[in-house]
Amino acid sequence: MKNLLLITLVSFISACSSKQDPNLIRVAYHPNMGGASTIITGIKQGFFEEQGIEVELVKFISGPTEIAAMISGDIQIGYIGFGAHTLAAEGKVQIIATDGIAVVEGIRTHKESGIDSVEKLKGRTLGTQLGTSGEAIVDQVLAKTGVNKKEIKILNSDISSAVAAFISKKIDAIAVWPPYTIEIEKRIGKENLNNIRPTSSGVDSTASWVAIPKYLDENPEIVQKFLIALYKSMDYREENLDEVIGYVAELVGIDKETVENERYSSDWMNSKKMKSMLADGEIQSIYKRQGEYFKENDRLQGEPVPIDQYIRLDIINKALN
């Protein structure tokens, strides 16, 4: 009973503390160049501090788990890769910034397995984590090939377990993203791997910053300040990529050379590019195509939400102007 009372008291104090400090934002990042470079740049350069914001970073390795944390109130804003955009298309979160458009990864296989084409994946075991960019990679590789996902034995596990299983040759193929692809190449040797890439899925693999609609609607001023700092961070990254690679290496706890391998893993966004793509409707089209793509691949429960609920154009435009 005493323990229960103590837990209740701590929860109450934490809730009160949160209310007394509305400028503290708990932000989910991913331990790679895409998922960490913008946010750590803003912290290192003091851009969030300039806006009167304190950012507390929390590491995640998949979008669905961080979105669950947003819904529970533990996280306010977070970074997601392409796979978790299904939850934006369903309206569970809304996009407030595009961090970049990734160079789409492929499905890795051991060269000695002889699996060097989509057709040869039939009946073989592929490891990935469903609901993440790993599943999106599978969908993109299979698009327009005539091979159905059901024809492949997909082993759903957390990414770390999938990587370990692939390295030990317990599974035939794997669909993952950096830095896991880099780890695999280092352990096995790039020359010993096949990489089955997508031909053309007709959809851009975006990485985005998101929040739940309730948080956005209840905290418009703090969100705008966050975005002003975030886009300023993107602009700094554009001009100082070598320096930013060092920031990411320090944050993630890996060597700079490993992060350097991710330099060209994405077409990085900045404020000027975002303004241009908003003005000509390109960003809106990208996210609209995503929703349609997820629907076609049976990744959604129901129809995709309207574009103004998928991406918060009102919030983005206000922060950029």
C-alpha atoms as a PDB file:
ATOM      1  CA  MET A   1       0.000   0.000   0.000  1.00  0.00           C
ATOM      2  CA  LYS A   2       2.895   2.336   0.883  1.00  0.00           C
ATOM      3  CA  ASN A   3       4.586   1.558  -2.424  1.00  0.00           C
ATOM      4  CA  LEU A   4       1.376   2.315  -4.303  1.00  0.00           C
ATOM      5  CA  LEU A   5       1.018   5.616  -2.431  1.00  0.00           C
ATOM      6  CA  LEU A   6       4.632   6.535  -3.256  1.00  0.00           C
ATOM      7  CA  ILE A   7       4.155   5.766  -6.963  1.00  0.00           C
ATOM      8  CA  THR A   8       0.980   7.851  -7.012  1.00  0.00           C
ATOM      9  CA  LEU A   9       2.738  10.752  -5.273  1.00  0.00           C
ATOM     10  CA  VAL A  10       5.708  10.635  -7.681  1.00  0.00           C
ATOM     11  CA  SER A  11       3.320  10.563 -10.657  1.00  0.00           C
ATOM     12  CA  PHE A  12       1.427  13.558  -9.252  1.00  0.00           C
ATOM     13  CA  ILE A  13       4.656  15.532  -8.675  1.00  0.00           C
ATOM     14  CA  SER A  14       5.861  14.675 -12.203  1.00  0.00           C
ATOM     15  CA  ALA A  15       2.551  15.803 -13.680  1.00  0.00           C
ATOM     16  CA  CYS A  16       2.717  19.075 -11.759  1.00  0.00           C
ATOM     17  CA  SER A  17       6.338  19.615 -12.833  1.00  0.00           C
ATOM     18  CA  SER A  18       5.364  19.085 -16.454  1.00  0.00           C
ATOM     19  CA  LYS A  19       2.599  21.681 -16.164  1.00  0.00           C
ATOM     20  CA  GLN A  20       5.005  24.181 -14.561  1.00  0.00           C
ATOM     21  CA  ASP A  21       7.525  23.793 -17.413  1.00  0.00           C
ATOM     22  CA  PRO A  22       5.588  23.865 -20.712  1.00  0.00           C
ATOM     23  CA  ASN A  23       8.748  24.793 -22.634  1.00  0.00           C
ATOM     24  CA  LEU A  24      10.350  21.402 -21.953  1.00  0.00           C
ATOM     25  CA  ILE A  25       9.841  19.103 -24.954  1.00  0.00           C
ATOM     26  CA  ARG A  26      10.727  15.423 -24.814  1.00  0.00           C
ATOM     27  CA  VAL A  27      11.842  14.541 -28.337  1.00  0.00           C
ATOM     28  CA  ALA A  28      12.270  11.082 -29.846  1.00  0.00           C
ATOM     29  CA  TYR A  29      15.312  10.621 -32.061  1.00  0.00           C
ATOM     30  CA  HIS A  30      16.766   7.624 -33.916  1.00  0.00           C
ATOM     31  CA  PRO A  31      20.459   6.669 -33.586  1.00  0.00           C
ATOM     32  CA  ASN A  32      21.488   7.447 -37.161  1.00  0.00           C
ATOM     33  CA  MET A  33      22.262  10.436 -39.374  1.00  0.00           C
ATOM     34  CA  GLY A  34      18.676  10.893 -40.482  1.00  0.00           C
ATOM     35  CA  GLY A  35      17.091  10.493 -37.087  1.00  0.00           C
ATOM     36  CA  ALA A  36      19.552  12.569 -35.078  1.00  0.00           C
ATOM     37  CA  SER A  37      21.356  15.152 -37.221  1.00  0.00           C
ATOM     38  CA  THR A  38      18.791  17.952 -37.160  1.00  0.00           C
ATOM     39  CA  ILE A  39      17.875  17.757 -33.497  1.00  0.00           C
ATOM     40  CA  ILE A  40      21.446  17.482 -32.183  1.00  0.00           C
ATOM     41  CA  THR A  41      22.515  20.384 -34.415  1.00  0.00           C
ATOM     42  CA  GLY A  42      19.810  22.580 -32.902  1.00  0.00           C
ATOM     43  CA  ILE A  43      20.941  21.656 -29.401  1.00  0.00           C
ATOM     44  CA  LYS A  44      24.659  22.120 -30.092  1.00  0.00           C
ATOM     45  CA  GLN A  45      24.155  25.455 -31.860  1.00  0.00           C
ATOM     46  CA  GLY A  46      21.720  26.761 -29.245  1.00  0.00           C
ATOM     47  CA  PHE A  47      18.853  27.262 -31.705  1.00  0.00           C
ATOM     48  CA  PHE A  48      16.234  25.751 -29.370  1.00  0.00           C
ATOM     49  CA  GLU A  49      17.623  27.728 -26.448  1.00  0.00           C
ATOM     50  CA  GLU A  50      17.238  30.923 -28.522  1.00  0.00           C
ATOM     51  CA  GLN A  51      13.529  30.121 -28.734  1.00  0.00           C
ATOM     52  CA  GLY A  52      13.261  29.521 -24.985  1.00  0.00           C
ATOM     53  CA  ILE A  53      12.873  25.766 -25.440  1.00  0.00           C
ATOM     54  CA  GLU A  54      14.557  22.969 -23.513  1.00  0.00           C
ATOM     55  CA  VAL A  55      14.848  19.722 -25.479  1.00  0.00           C
ATOM     56  CA  GLU A  56      15.217  16.385 -23.717  1.00  0.00           C
ATOM     57  CA  LEU A  57      16.248  13.612 -26.125  1.00  0.00           C
ATOM     58  CA  VAL A  58      14.919  10.063 -25.875  1.00  0.00           C
ATOM     59  CA  LYS A  59      16.313   7.330 -28.140  1.00  0.00           C
ATOM     60  CA  PHE A  60      14.035   5.023 -30.139  1.00  0.00           C
ATOM     61  CA  ILE A  61      14.850   2.536 -32.889  1.00  0.00           C
ATOM     62  CA  SER A  62      11.392   2.268 -34.470  1.00  0.00           C
ATOM     63  CA  GLY A  63       8.555   4.669 -35.224  1.00  0.00           C
ATOM     64  CA  PRO A  64       5.576   2.673 -33.899  1.00  0.00           C
ATOM     65  CA  THR A  65       7.025   2.445 -30.372  1.00  0.00           C
ATOM     66  CA  GLU A  66       7.735   6.169 -30.182  1.00  0.00           C
ATOM     67  CA  ILE A  67       4.265   7.024 -31.483  1.00  0.00           C
ATOM     68  CA  ALA A  68       2.809   4.832 -28.731  1.00  0.00           C
ATOM     69  CA  ALA A  69       4.895   6.923 -26.298  1.00  0.00           C
ATOM     70  CA  MET A  70       3.460  10.118 -27.816  1.00  0.00           C
ATOM     71  CA  ILE A  71      -0.076   8.854 -27.405  1.00  0.00           C
ATOM     72  CA  SER A  72       0.645   8.034 -23.740  1.00  0.00           C
ATOM     73  CA  GLY A  73       2.102  11.533 -23.230  1.00  0.00           C
ATOM     74  CA  ASP A  74       5.715  10.469 -22.549  1.00  0.00           C
ATOM     75  CA  ILE A  75       7.004  12.036 -25.785  1.00  0.00           C
ATOM     76  CA  GLN A  76       5.816  15.273 -27.392  1.00  0.00           C
ATOM     77  CA  ILE A  77       7.581  15.354 -30.785  1.00  0.00           C
ATOM     78  CA  GLY A  78       9.490  12.672 -32.671  1.00  0.00           C
ATOM     79  CA  TYR A  79      11.307  11.628 -35.822  1.00  0.00           C
ATOM     80  CA  ILE A  80       9.926   8.765 -37.949  1.00  0.00           C
ATOM     81  CA  GLY A  81      11.211   6.888 -40.963  1.00  0.00           C
ATOM     82  CA  PHE A  82       9.074   5.998 -43.954  1.00  0.00           C
ATOM     83  CA  GLY A  83       7.457   2.848 -42.545  1.00  0.00           C
ATOM     84  CA  ALA A  84       5.806   4.609 -39.592  1.00  0.00           C
ATOM     85  CA  HIS A  85       4.155   7.108 -41.948  1.00  0.00           C
ATOM     86  CA  THR A  86       1.282   4.634 -42.108  1.00  0.00           C
ATOM     87  CA  LEU A  87       0.304   6.001 -38.680  1.00  0.00           C
ATOM     88  CA  ALA A  88       0.301   9.531 -40.102  1.00  0.00           C
ATOM     89  CA  ALA A  89      -1.835   8.353 -43.016  1.00  0.00           C
ATOM     90  CA  GLU A  90      -4.262   6.973 -40.417  1.00  0.00           C
ATOM     91  CA  GLY A  91      -4.331  10.293 -38.549  1.00  0.00           C
ATOM     92  CA  LYS A  92      -2.696   9.072 -35.333  1.00  0.00           C
ATOM     93  CA  VAL A  93       0.125  11.623 -35.760  1.00  0.00           C
ATOM     94  CA  GLN A  94       0.565  14.650 -38.006  1.00  0.00           C
ATOM     95  CA  ILE A  95       3.695  15.745 -39.863  1.00  0.00           C
ATOM     96  CA  ILE A  96       5.190  19.112 -38.903  1.00  0.00           C
ATOM     97  CA  ALA A  97       8.476  18.918 -40.831  1.00  0.00           C
ATOM     98  CA  THR A  98      10.102  16.883 -43.577  1.00  0.00           C
ATOM     99  CA  ASP A  99      13.676  16.058 -42.580  1.00  0.00           C
ATOM    100  CA  GLY A 100      14.665  14.550 -45.904  1.00  0.00           C
ATOM    101  CA  ILE A 101      13.847  12.091 -48.654  1.00  0.00           C
ATOM    102  CA  ALA A 102      15.838   8.902 -48.182  1.00  0.00           C
ATOM    103  CA  VAL A 103      17.722   7.038 -50.838  1.00  0.00           C
ATOM    104  CA  VAL A 104      15.707   3.832 -50.636  1.00  0.00           C
ATOM    105  CA  GLU A 105      17.550   0.819 -49.265  1.00  0.00           C
ATOM    106  CA  GLY A 106      17.180  -2.664 -50.663  1.00  0.00           C
ATOM    107  CA  ILE A 107      16.841  -6.212 -49.353  1.00  0.00           C
ATOM    108  CA  ARG A 108      20.222  -7.702 -48.400  1.00  0.00           C
ATOM    109  CA  THR A 109      21.041 -11.376 -49.007  1.00  0.00           C
ATOM    110  CA  HIS A 110      24.206 -13.424 -48.639  1.00  0.00           C
ATOM    111  CA  LYS A 111      25.881 -13.649 -52.057  1.00  0.00           C
ATOM    112  CA  GLU A 112      26.593 -17.365 -51.544  1.00  0.00           C
ATOM    113  CA  SER A 113      22.838 -17.999 -51.199  1.00  0.00           C
ATOM    114  CA  GLY A 114      22.332 -17.203 -54.870  1.00  0.00           C
ATOM    115  CA  ILE A 115      19.366 -14.951 -54.011  1.00  0.00           C
ATOM    116  CA  ASP A 116      20.008 -12.036 -56.345  1.00  0.00           C
ATOM    117  CA  SER A 117      16.522 -11.207 -57.606  1.00  0.00           C
ATOM    118  CA  VAL A 118      13.012 -10.649 -56.295  1.00  0.00           C
ATOM    119  CA  GLU A 119      11.822 -13.911 -57.855  1.00  0.00           C
ATOM    120  CA  LYS A 120      14.443 -15.899 -55.906  1.00  0.00           C
ATOM    121  CA  LEU A 121      13.050 -14.567 -52.610  1.00  0.00           C
ATOM    122  CA  LYS A 122       9.976 -16.805 -53.014  1.00  0.00           C
ATOM    123  CA  GLY A 123       9.808 -19.361 -50.232  1.00  0.00           C
ATOM    124  CA  ARG A 124      12.852 -17.936 -48.451  1.00  0.00           C
ATOM    125  CA  THR A 125      12.972 -16.417 -44.953  1.00  0.00           C
ATOM    126  CA  LEU A 126      13.309 -12.632 -44.663  1.00  0.00           C
ATOM    127  CA  GLY A 127      13.764 -10.828 -41.379  1.00  0.00           C
ATOM    128  CA  THR A 128      12.495  -7.346 -40.579  1.00  0.00           C
ATOM    129  CA  GLN A 129      10.296  -5.488 -38.107  1.00  0.00           C
ATOM    130  CA  LEU A 130       6.792  -5.048 -39.462  1.00  0.00           C
ATOM    131  CA  GLY A 131       5.332  -1.557 -39.283  1.00  0.00           C
ATOM    132  CA  THR A 132       8.744   0.071 -39.750  1.00  0.00           C
ATOM    133  CA  SER A 133      10.821   1.217 -42.718  1.00  0.00           C
ATOM    134  CA  GLY A 134      11.912  -2.409 -43.044  1.00  0.00           C
ATOM    135  CA  GLU A 135       8.439  -3.451 -44.172  1.00  0.00           C
ATOM    136  CA  ALA A 136       8.240  -0.381 -46.415  1.00  0.00           C
ATOM    137  CA  ILE A 137      11.497  -1.468 -48.097  1.00  0.00           C
ATOM    138  CA  VAL A 138       9.979  -4.909 -48.769  1.00  0.00           C
ATOM    139  CA  ASP A 139       6.867  -3.304 -50.293  1.00  0.00           C
ATOM    140  CA  GLN A 140       8.968  -0.997 -52.469  1.00  0.00           C
ATOM    141  CA  VAL A 141      11.255  -3.771 -53.699  1.00  0.00           C
ATOM    142  CA  LEU A 142       8.291  -5.987 -54.572  1.00  0.00           C
ATOM    143  CA  ALA A 143       6.263  -3.208 -56.243  1.00  0.00           C
ATOM    144  CA  LYS A 144       5.440  -3.949 -59.895  1.00  0.00           C
ATOM    145  CA  THR A 145       7.365  -7.254 -59.855  1.00  0.00           C
ATOM    146  CA  GLY A 146       4.449  -9.687 -59.682  1.00  0.00           C
ATOM    147  CA  VAL A 147       5.839 -11.248 -56.490  1.00  0.00           C
ATOM    148  CA  ASN A 148       3.414 -11.178 -53.572  1.00  0.00           C
ATOM    149  CA  LYS A 149       4.637 -10.545 -50.027  1.00  0.00           C
ATOM    150  CA  LYS A 150       2.795 -13.696 -48.945  1.00  0.00           C
ATOM    151  CA  GLU A 151       5.140 -15.760 -51.132  1.00  0.00           C
ATOM    152  CA  ILE A 152       8.050 -14.838 -48.826  1.00  0.00           C
ATOM    153  CA  LYS A 153       8.423 -16.186 -45.294  1.00  0.00           C
ATOM    154  CA  ILE A 154       8.653 -12.922 -43.343  1.00  0.00           C
ATOM    155  CA  LEU A 155      10.030 -13.255 -39.825  1.00  0.00           C
ATOM    156  CA  ASN A 156       8.796 -10.319 -37.727  1.00  0.00           C
ATOM    157  CA  SER A 157      11.218  -9.398 -34.937  1.00  0.00           C
ATOM    158  CA  ASP A 158      12.920  -6.370 -33.449  1.00  0.00           C
ATOM    159  CA  ILE A 159      15.634  -4.996 -35.721  1.00  0.00           C
ATOM    160  CA  SER A 160      18.584  -5.989 -33.518  1.00  0.00           C
ATOM    161  CA  SER A 161      17.415  -9.623 -33.473  1.00  0.00           C
ATOM    162  CA  ALA A 162      16.873  -9.613 -37.240  1.00  0.00           C
ATOM    163  CA  VAL A 163      20.413  -8.316 -37.825  1.00  0.00           C
ATOM    164  CA  ALA A 164      21.893 -10.968 -35.521  1.00  0.00           C
ATOM    165  CA  ALA A 165      19.909 -13.710 -37.274  1.00  0.00           C
ATOM    166  CA  PHE A 166      21.056 -12.539 -40.699  1.00  0.00           C
ATOM    167  CA  ILE A 167      24.725 -12.274 -39.719  1.00  0.00           C
ATOM    168  CA  SER A 168      24.613 -15.802 -38.279  1.00  0.00           C
ATOM    169  CA  LYS A 169      22.852 -17.015 -41.481  1.00  0.00           C
ATOM    170  CA  LYS A 170      19.733 -18.175 -39.649  1.00  0.00           C
ATOM    171  CA  ILE A 171      17.614 -16.249 -42.161  1.00  0.00           C
ATOM    172  CA  ASP A 172      18.088 -15.822 -45.908  1.00  0.00           C
ATOM    173  CA  ALA A 173      17.438 -12.099 -46.323  1.00  0.00           C
ATOM    174  CA  ILE A 174      16.915  -8.895 -44.372  1.00  0.00           C
ATOM    175  CA  ALA A 175      15.283  -5.500 -44.885  1.00  0.00           C
ATOM    176  CA  VAL A 176      16.775  -2.802 -42.638  1.00  0.00           C
ATOM    177  CA  TRP A 177      18.090   0.757 -42.788  1.00  0.00           C
ATOM    178  CA  PRO A 178      21.220   2.648 -41.618  1.00  0.00           C
ATOM    179  CA  PRO A 179      23.048   2.203 -39.302  1.00  0.00           C
ATOM    180  CA  TYR A 180      22.083  -1.512 -39.371  1.00  0.00           C
ATOM    181  CA  THR A 181      22.971  -1.840 -43.065  1.00  0.00           C
ATOM    182  CA  ILE A 182      26.404  -0.410 -42.278  1.00  0.00           C
ATOM    183  CA  GLU A 183      26.864  -2.863 -39.391  1.00  0.00           C
ATOM    184  CA  ILE A 184      25.962  -5.770 -41.688  1.00  0.00           C
ATOM    185  CA  GLU A 185      28.383  -4.611 -44.383  1.00  0.00           C
ATOM    186  CA  LYS A 186      31.175  -4.278 -41.824  1.00  0.00           C
ATOM    187  CA  ARG A 187      30.546  -7.710 -40.297  1.00  0.00           C
ATOM    188  CA  ILE A 188      30.013  -9.649 -43.519  1.00  0.00           C
ATOM    189  CA  GLY A 189      31.756  -7.516 -46.136  1.00  0.00           C
ATOM    190  CA  LYS A 190      29.954  -5.537 -48.811  1.00  0.00           C
ATOM    191  CA  GLU A 191      31.489  -7.801 -51.464  1.00  0.00           C
ATOM    192  CA  ASN A 192      29.738 -10.822 -49.876  1.00  0.00           C
ATOM    193  CA  LEU A 193      26.254  -9.304 -50.067  1.00  0.00           C
ATOM    194  CA  ASN A 194      23.574  -8.889 -52.706  1.00  0.00           C
ATOM    195  CA  ASN A 195      21.368  -5.818 -52.504  1.00  0.00           C
ATOM    196  CA  ILE A 196      18.038  -6.215 -54.278  1.00  0.00           C
ATOM    197  CA  ARG A 197      16.849  -2.648 -54.838  1.00  0.00           C
ATOM    198  CA  PRO A 198      13.403  -1.406 -55.889  1.00  0.00           C
ATOM    199  CA  THR A 199      12.948  -0.523 -59.546  1.00  0.00           C
ATOM    200  CA  SER A 200      10.325   2.194 -59.203  1.00  0.00           C
ATOM    201  CA  SER A 201       7.572   2.201 -56.605  1.00  0.00           C
ATOM    202  CA  GLY A 202       6.438   5.740 -57.526  1.00  0.00           C
ATOM    203  CA  VAL A 203       6.598   6.907 -53.910  1.00  0.00           C
ATOM    204  CA  ASP A 204       9.172   8.995 -52.050  1.00  0.00           C
ATOM    205  CA  SER A 205      10.682   7.576 -48.860  1.00  0.00           C
ATOM    206  CA  THR A 206      10.338  10.559 -46.551  1.00  0.00           C
ATOM    207  CA  ALA A 207      11.656  11.016 -43.033  1.00  0.00           C
ATOM    208  CA  SER A 208       9.538  13.388 -40.959  1.00  0.00           C
ATOM    209  CA  TRP A 209       9.006  15.064 -37.603  1.00  0.00           C
ATOM    210  CA  VAL A 210       5.594  14.381 -36.085  1.00  0.00           C
ATOM    211  CA  ALA A 211       3.363  14.923 -33.074  1.00  0.00           C
ATOM    212  CA  ILE A 212      -0.124  13.806 -32.094  1.00  0.00           C
ATOM    213  CA  PRO A 213      -2.949  16.197 -33.123  1.00  0.00           C
ATOM    214  CA  LYS A 214      -3.929  16.912 -29.490  1.00  0.00           C
ATOM    215  CA  TYR A 215      -0.462  18.187 -28.601  1.00  0.00           C
ATOM    216  CA  LEU A 216      -0.281  20.357 -31.745  1.00  0.00           C
ATOM    217  CA  ASP A 217      -3.685  21.918 -31.136  1.00  0.00           C
ATOM    218  CA  GLU A 218      -3.037  22.600 -27.447  1.00  0.00           C
ATOM    219  CA  ASN A 219       0.511  23.981 -27.844  1.00  0.00           C
ATOM    220  CA  PRO A 220       0.625  26.090 -31.036  1.00  0.00           C
ATOM    221  CA  GLU A 221       3.185  28.627 -29.766  1.00  0.00           C
ATOM    222  CA  ILE A 222       5.699  26.096 -28.438  1.00  0.00           C
ATOM    223  CA  VAL A 223       5.380  24.008 -31.611  1.00  0.00           C
ATOM    224  CA  GLN A 224       6.028  27.064 -33.775  1.00  0.00           C
ATOM    225  CA  LYS A 225       9.145  27.921 -31.746  1.00  0.00           C
ATOM    226  CA  PHE A 226      10.339  24.337 -32.034  1.00  0.00           C
ATOM    227  CA  LEU A 227       9.886  24.405 -35.809  1.00  0.00           C
ATOM    228  CA  ILE A 228      11.672  27.736 -36.230  1.00  0.00           C
ATOM    229  CA  ALA A 229      14.674  26.221 -34.439  1.00  0.00           C
ATOM    230  CA  LEU A 230      14.359  22.920 -36.322  1.00  0.00           C
ATOM    231  CA  TYR A 231      14.434  24.497 -39.777  1.00  0.00           C
ATOM    232  CA  LYS A 232      17.328  26.716 -38.684  1.00  0.00           C
ATOM    233  CA  SER A 233      19.107  23.490 -37.708  1.00  0.00           C
ATOM    234  CA  MET A 234      18.446  22.005 -41.149  1.00  0.00           C
ATOM    235  CA  ASP A 235      19.953  25.097 -42.782  1.00  0.00           C
ATOM    236  CA  TYR A 236      23.054  24.793 -40.596  1.00  0.00           C
ATOM    237  CA  ARG A 237      23.355  21.088 -41.468  1.00  0.00           C
ATOM    238  CA  GLU A 238      23.233  21.962 -45.163  1.00  0.00           C
ATOM    239  CA  GLU A 239      26.276  24.240 -44.856  1.00  0.00           C
ATOM    240  CA  ASN A 240      28.220  22.307 -42.192  1.00  0.00           C
ATOM    241  CA  LEU A 241      27.651  18.621 -42.863  1.00  0.00           C
ATOM    242  CA  ASP A 242      31.099  17.474 -41.694  1.00  0.00           C
ATOM    243  CA  GLU A 243      30.619  19.193 -38.345  1.00  0.00           C
ATOM    244  CA  VAL A 244      27.125  17.726 -37.969  1.00  0.00           C
ATOM    245  CA  ILE A 245      28.408  14.211 -38.697  1.00  0.00           C
ATOM    246  CA  GLY A 246      30.666  14.701 -35.676  1.00  0.00           C
ATOM    247  CA  TYR A 247      27.700  15.764 -33.532  1.00  0.00           C
ATOM    248  CA  VAL A 248      25.799  12.614 -34.505  1.00  0.00           C
ATOM    249  CA  ALA A 249      28.765  10.332 -33.827  1.00  0.00           C
ATOM    250  CA  GLU A 250      29.139  11.826 -30.343  1.00  0.00           C
ATOM    251  CA  LEU A 251      25.425  11.533 -29.552  1.00  0.00           C
ATOM    252  CA  VAL A 252      24.992   8.000 -30.861  1.00  0.00           C
ATOM    253  CA  GLY A 253      28.298   6.778 -29.455  1.00  0.00           C
ATOM    254  CA  ILE A 254      29.820   5.418 -32.663  1.00  0.00           C
ATOM    255  CA  ASP A 255      32.862   6.415 -34.670  1.00  0.00           C
ATOM    256  CA  LYS A 256      32.665   9.318 -37.103  1.00  0.00           C
ATOM    257  CA  GLU A 257      33.645   7.106 -40.034  1.00  0.00           C
ATOM    258  CA  THR A 258      30.511   4.988 -39.572  1.00  0.00           C
ATOM    259  CA  VAL A 259      28.256   8.046 -39.567  1.00  0.00           C
ATOM    260  CA  GLU A 260      30.149   9.363 -42.608  1.00  0.00           C
ATOM    261  CA  ASN A 261      28.799   6.372 -44.546  1.00  0.00           C
ATOM    262  CA  GLU A 262      25.319   7.872 -44.150  1.00  0.00           C
ATOM    263  CA  ARG A 263      26.267  11.230 -45.683  1.00  0.00           C
ATOM    264  CA  TYR A 264      24.428  10.472 -48.931  1.00  0.00           C
ATOM    265  CA  SER A 265      21.663   8.307 -47.469  1.00  0.00           C
ATOM    266  CA  SER A 266      19.121  11.113 -47.874  1.00  0.00           C
ATOM    267  CA  ASP A 267      18.338  14.253 -49.816  1.00  0.00           C
ATOM    268  CA  TRP A 268      18.464  16.504 -46.749  1.00  0.00           C
ATOM    269  CA  MET A 269      15.798  19.187 -46.361  1.00  0.00           C
ATOM    270  CA  ASN A 270      16.332  22.866 -45.553  1.00  0.00           C
ATOM    271  CA  SER A 271      14.005  25.871 -45.165  1.00  0.00           C
ATOM    272  CA  LYS A 272      14.533  27.239 -48.689  1.00  0.00           C
ATOM    273  CA  LYS A 273      13.829  23.872 -50.307  1.00  0.00           C
ATOM    274  CA  MET A 274      10.792  23.312 -48.090  1.00  0.00           C
ATOM    275  CA  LYS A 275       9.317  26.718 -48.982  1.00  0.00           C
ATOM    276  CA  SER A 276       9.753  26.000 -52.677  1.00  0.00           C
ATOM    277  CA  MET A 277       8.213  22.518 -52.456  1.00  0.00           C
ATOM    278  CA  LEU A 278       5.262  23.860 -50.470  1.00  0.00           C
ATOM    279  CA  ALA A 279       4.699  26.691 -52.951  1.00  0.00           C
ATOM    280  CA  ASP A 280       4.545  24.411 -55.991  1.00  0.00           C
ATOM    281  CA  GLY A 281       2.550  21.698 -54.189  1.00  0.00           C
ATOM    282  CA  GLU A 282       5.294  19.065 -54.415  1.00  0.00           C
ATOM    283  CA  ILE A 283       5.325  18.262 -50.684  1.00  0.00           C
ATOM    284  CA  GLN A 284       1.548  17.874 -50.652  1.00  0.00           C
ATOM    285  CA  SER A 285       1.758  15.498 -53.635  1.00  0.00           C
ATOM    286  CA  ILE A 286       4.503  13.425 -51.990  1.00  0.00           C
ATOM    287  CA  TYR A 287       2.440  12.760 -48.872  1.00  0.00           C
ATOM    288  CA  LYS A 288      -0.758  12.217 -50.844  1.00  0.00           C
ATOM    289  CA  ARG A 289       0.990   9.545 -52.946  1.00  0.00           C
ATOM    290  CA  GLN A 290       2.247   7.946 -49.753  1.00  0.00           C
ATOM    291  CA  GLY A 291      -1.255   7.550 -48.370  1.00  0.00           C
ATOM    292  CA  GLU A 292      -2.440   6.007 -51.637  1.00  0.00           C
ATOM    293  CA  TYR A 293       0.593   3.709 -51.717  1.00  0.00           C
ATOM    294  CA  PHE A 294      -0.042   2.466 -48.171  1.00  0.00           C
ATOM    295  CA  LYS A 295      -3.675   1.830 -49.062  1.00  0.00           C
ATOM    296  CA  GLU A 296      -2.737  -0.134 -52.196  1.00  0.00           C
ATOM    297  CA  ASN A 297      -0.360  -2.288 -50.131  1.00  0.00           C
ATOM    298  CA  ASP A 298      -2.965  -3.027 -47.416  1.00  0.00           C
ATOM    299  CA  ARG A 299      -0.988  -1.122 -44.787  1.00  0.00           C
ATOM    300  CA  LEU A 300      -3.901   1.046 -43.574  1.00  0.00           C
ATOM    301  CA  GLN A 301      -7.032   0.493 -41.556  1.00  0.00           C
ATOM    302  CA  GLY A 302      -9.488   2.341 -43.791  1.00  0.00           C
ATOM    303  CA  GLU A 303      -8.855   5.240 -46.162  1.00  0.00           C
ATOM    304  CA  PRO A 304      -5.905   7.646 -45.761  1.00  0.00           C
ATOM    305  CA  VAL A 305      -6.789  10.912 -44.020  1.00  0.00           C
ATOM    306  CA  PRO A 306      -7.098  14.149 -46.070  1.00  0.00           C
ATOM    307  CA  ILE A 307      -3.767  15.807 -46.826  1.00  0.00           C
ATOM    308  CA  ASP A 308      -4.355  18.696 -44.374  1.00  0.00           C
ATOM    309  CA  GLN A 309      -4.652  16.119 -41.581  1.00  0.00           C
ATOM    310  CA  TYR A 310      -1.663  14.113 -42.816  1.00  0.00           C
ATOM    311  CA  ILE A 311       0.729  17.100 -42.897  1.00  0.00           C
ATOM    312  CA  ARG A 312       0.038  20.299 -40.929  1.00  0.00           C
ATOM    313  CA  LEU A 313       0.622  22.820 -43.689  1.00  0.00           C
ATOM    314  CA  ASP A 314      -0.781  25.642 -41.523  1.00  0.00           C
ATOM    315  CA  ILE A 315       1.820  25.103 -38.798  1.00  0.00           C
ATOM    316  CA  ILE A 316       4.716  24.653 -41.241  1.00  0.00           C
ATOM    317  CA  ASN A 317       3.908  27.722 -43.310  1.00  0.00           C
ATOM    318  CA  LYS A 318       3.607  29.866 -40.181  1.00  0.00           C
ATOM    319  CA  ALA A 319       7.018  28.730 -38.910  1.00  0.00           C
ATOM    320  CA  LEU A 320       8.719  29.300 -42.269  1.00  0.00           C
ATOM    321  CA  ASN A 321       7.310  32.781 -42.886  1.00  0.00           C
END
